[in-house]
């Protein structure tokens, strides 16, 4: 497939998605405590700001997190715990 054809398909996809997406779902002003600024995110592991790569400027980069299994509890810490299953 040619680059022009791929770009044409991508733009067609974006236009179709635009018809189905309600932009009101992306307004976060009504959610208290959800909006975070640079000061809230700076210093978090895997979050970097103002990176210059090969002539590009990246405002913010967030590293992918690796899924890890939760730690297991020793048997003695389970004493007295009631386990409810669905």
C-alpha atoms as a PDB file:
ATOM      1  CA  UNK A   1       0.000   0.000   0.000  1.00  0.00           C
ATOM      2  CA  UNK A   2       1.295   3.458  -0.857  1.00  0.00           C
ATOM      3  CA  UNK A   3       1.819   6.147   1.802  1.00  0.00           C
ATOM      4  CA  UNK A   4      -0.939   8.244   0.186  1.00  0.00           C
ATOM      5  CA  UNK A   5      -3.379   5.351   0.413  1.00  0.00           C
ATOM      6  CA  UNK A   6      -2.480   4.679   4.056  1.00  0.00           C
ATOM      7  CA  UNK A   7      -2.896   8.344   4.965  1.00  0.00           C
ATOM      8  CA  UNK A   8      -6.227   8.467   3.142  1.00  0.00           C
ATOM      9  CA  UNK A   9      -7.471   5.439   5.100  1.00  0.00           C
ATOM     10  CA  UNK A  10      -6.255   6.930   8.385  1.00  0.00           C
ATOM     11  CA  UNK A  11      -8.040  10.223   7.730  1.00  0.00           C
ATOM     12  CA  UNK A  12     -11.202   8.361   6.762  1.00  0.00           C
ATOM     13  CA  UNK A  13     -11.037   6.418  10.027  1.00  0.00           C
ATOM     14  CA  UNK A  14     -10.530   9.603  12.052  1.00  0.00           C
ATOM     15  CA  UNK A  15     -13.493  11.275  10.364  1.00  0.00           C
ATOM     16  CA  UNK A  16     -15.736   8.267  11.085  1.00  0.00           C
ATOM     17  CA  UNK A  17     -14.635   8.206  14.726  1.00  0.00           C
ATOM     18  CA  UNK A  18     -15.356  11.926  15.001  1.00  0.00           C
ATOM     19  CA  UNK A  19     -18.990  11.227  14.106  1.00  0.00           C
ATOM     20  CA  UNK A  20     -19.369   8.694  16.930  1.00  0.00           C
ATOM     21  CA  UNK A  21     -17.448  10.403  19.755  1.00  0.00           C
ATOM     22  CA  UNK A  22     -19.245  12.792  22.067  1.00  0.00           C
ATOM     23  CA  UNK A  23     -16.733  15.541  22.928  1.00  0.00           C
ATOM     24  CA  UNK A  24     -18.593  16.287  26.162  1.00  0.00           C
ATOM     25  CA  UNK A  25     -17.037  13.106  27.548  1.00  0.00           C
ATOM     26  CA  UNK A  26     -13.594  14.680  27.332  1.00  0.00           C
ATOM     27  CA  UNK A  27     -14.296  17.783  29.403  1.00  0.00           C
ATOM     28  CA  UNK A  28     -12.756  17.197  32.803  1.00  0.00           C
ATOM     29  CA  UNK A  29     -13.634  20.503  34.481  1.00  0.00           C
ATOM     30  CA  UNK A  30     -16.608  18.935  36.278  1.00  0.00           C
ATOM     31  CA  UNK A  31     -14.521  16.244  37.999  1.00  0.00           C
ATOM     32  CA  UNK A  32     -12.984  17.591  41.185  1.00  0.00           C
ATOM     33  CA  UNK A  33      -9.472  16.397  41.848  1.00  0.00           C
ATOM     34  CA  UNK A  34      -9.116  14.713  38.453  1.00  0.00           C
ATOM     35  CA  UNK A  35      -7.352  17.486  36.584  1.00  0.00           C
ATOM     36  CA  UNK A  36      -3.624  17.355  37.194  1.00  0.00           C
ATOM     37  CA  UNK A  37      -1.040  19.898  36.204  1.00  0.00           C
ATOM     38  CA  UNK A  38       2.681  19.672  35.703  1.00  0.00           C
ATOM     39  CA  UNK A  39       3.393  20.365  39.370  1.00  0.00           C
ATOM     40  CA  UNK A  40       1.221  17.374  40.355  1.00  0.00           C
ATOM     41  CA  UNK A  41       2.970  14.986  37.953  1.00  0.00           C
ATOM     42  CA  UNK A  42       6.570  16.158  38.139  1.00  0.00           C
ATOM     43  CA  UNK A  43       8.733  13.753  40.092  1.00  0.00           C
ATOM     44  CA  UNK A  44       6.498  10.722  39.547  1.00  0.00           C
ATOM     45  CA  UNK A  45       8.385   7.642  38.343  1.00  0.00           C
ATOM     46  CA  UNK A  46       8.235   7.220  34.574  1.00  0.00           C
ATOM     47  CA  UNK A  47       6.967  10.766  33.911  1.00  0.00           C
ATOM     48  CA  UNK A  48       9.372  13.090  32.077  1.00  0.00           C
ATOM     49  CA  UNK A  49       8.861  16.632  30.778  1.00  0.00           C
ATOM     50  CA  UNK A  50      10.443  18.748  28.034  1.00  0.00           C
ATOM     51  CA  UNK A  51      12.443  16.143  26.165  1.00  0.00           C
ATOM     52  CA  UNK A  52      14.164  17.080  22.933  1.00  0.00           C
ATOM     53  CA  UNK A  53      14.655  14.114  20.578  1.00  0.00           C
ATOM     54  CA  UNK A  54      16.064  14.391  17.059  1.00  0.00           C
ATOM     55  CA  UNK A  55      14.676  17.869  16.424  1.00  0.00           C
ATOM     56  CA  UNK A  56      11.336  17.142  18.102  1.00  0.00           C
ATOM     57  CA  UNK A  57      10.084  18.516  21.377  1.00  0.00           C
ATOM     58  CA  UNK A  58       8.124  16.175  23.613  1.00  0.00           C
ATOM     59  CA  UNK A  59       6.082  18.049  26.202  1.00  0.00           C
ATOM     60  CA  UNK A  60       5.426  15.008  28.395  1.00  0.00           C
ATOM     61  CA  UNK A  61       6.391  11.345  28.182  1.00  0.00           C
ATOM     62  CA  UNK A  62       4.859   8.628  30.361  1.00  0.00           C
ATOM     63  CA  UNK A  63       6.540   5.236  30.496  1.00  0.00           C
ATOM     64  CA  UNK A  64       4.500   2.059  30.159  1.00  0.00           C
ATOM     65  CA  UNK A  65       3.922   0.318  33.457  1.00  0.00           C
ATOM     66  CA  UNK A  66       4.697  -3.353  33.799  1.00  0.00           C
ATOM     67  CA  UNK A  67       1.958  -5.509  35.258  1.00  0.00           C
ATOM     68  CA  UNK A  68       3.116  -7.259  38.403  1.00  0.00           C
ATOM     69  CA  UNK A  69       1.289  -9.785  40.512  1.00  0.00           C
ATOM     70  CA  UNK A  70       0.402  -8.584  44.011  1.00  0.00           C
ATOM     71  CA  UNK A  71       2.545  -9.928  46.832  1.00  0.00           C
ATOM     72  CA  UNK A  72       1.256 -13.001  48.629  1.00  0.00           C
ATOM     73  CA  UNK A  73       0.417 -12.798  52.306  1.00  0.00           C
ATOM     74  CA  UNK A  74       1.860 -15.300  54.733  1.00  0.00           C
ATOM     75  CA  UNK A  75      -0.745 -17.735  56.109  1.00  0.00           C
ATOM     76  CA  UNK A  76      -0.586 -16.217  59.603  1.00  0.00           C
ATOM     77  CA  UNK A  77      -1.805 -12.855  58.252  1.00  0.00           C
ATOM     78  CA  UNK A  78      -4.940 -14.510  56.842  1.00  0.00           C
ATOM     79  CA  UNK A  79      -6.191 -15.572  60.276  1.00  0.00           C
ATOM     80  CA  UNK A  80      -9.524 -13.906  61.000  1.00  0.00           C
ATOM     81  CA  UNK A  81     -10.047 -12.747  57.418  1.00  0.00           C
ATOM     82  CA  UNK A  82     -13.385 -13.679  55.882  1.00  0.00           C
ATOM     83  CA  UNK A  83     -13.134 -14.402  52.163  1.00  0.00           C
ATOM     84  CA  UNK A  84     -16.317 -13.786  50.177  1.00  0.00           C
ATOM     85  CA  UNK A  85     -16.522 -15.228  46.669  1.00  0.00           C
ATOM     86  CA  UNK A  86     -18.964 -14.256  43.929  1.00  0.00           C
END
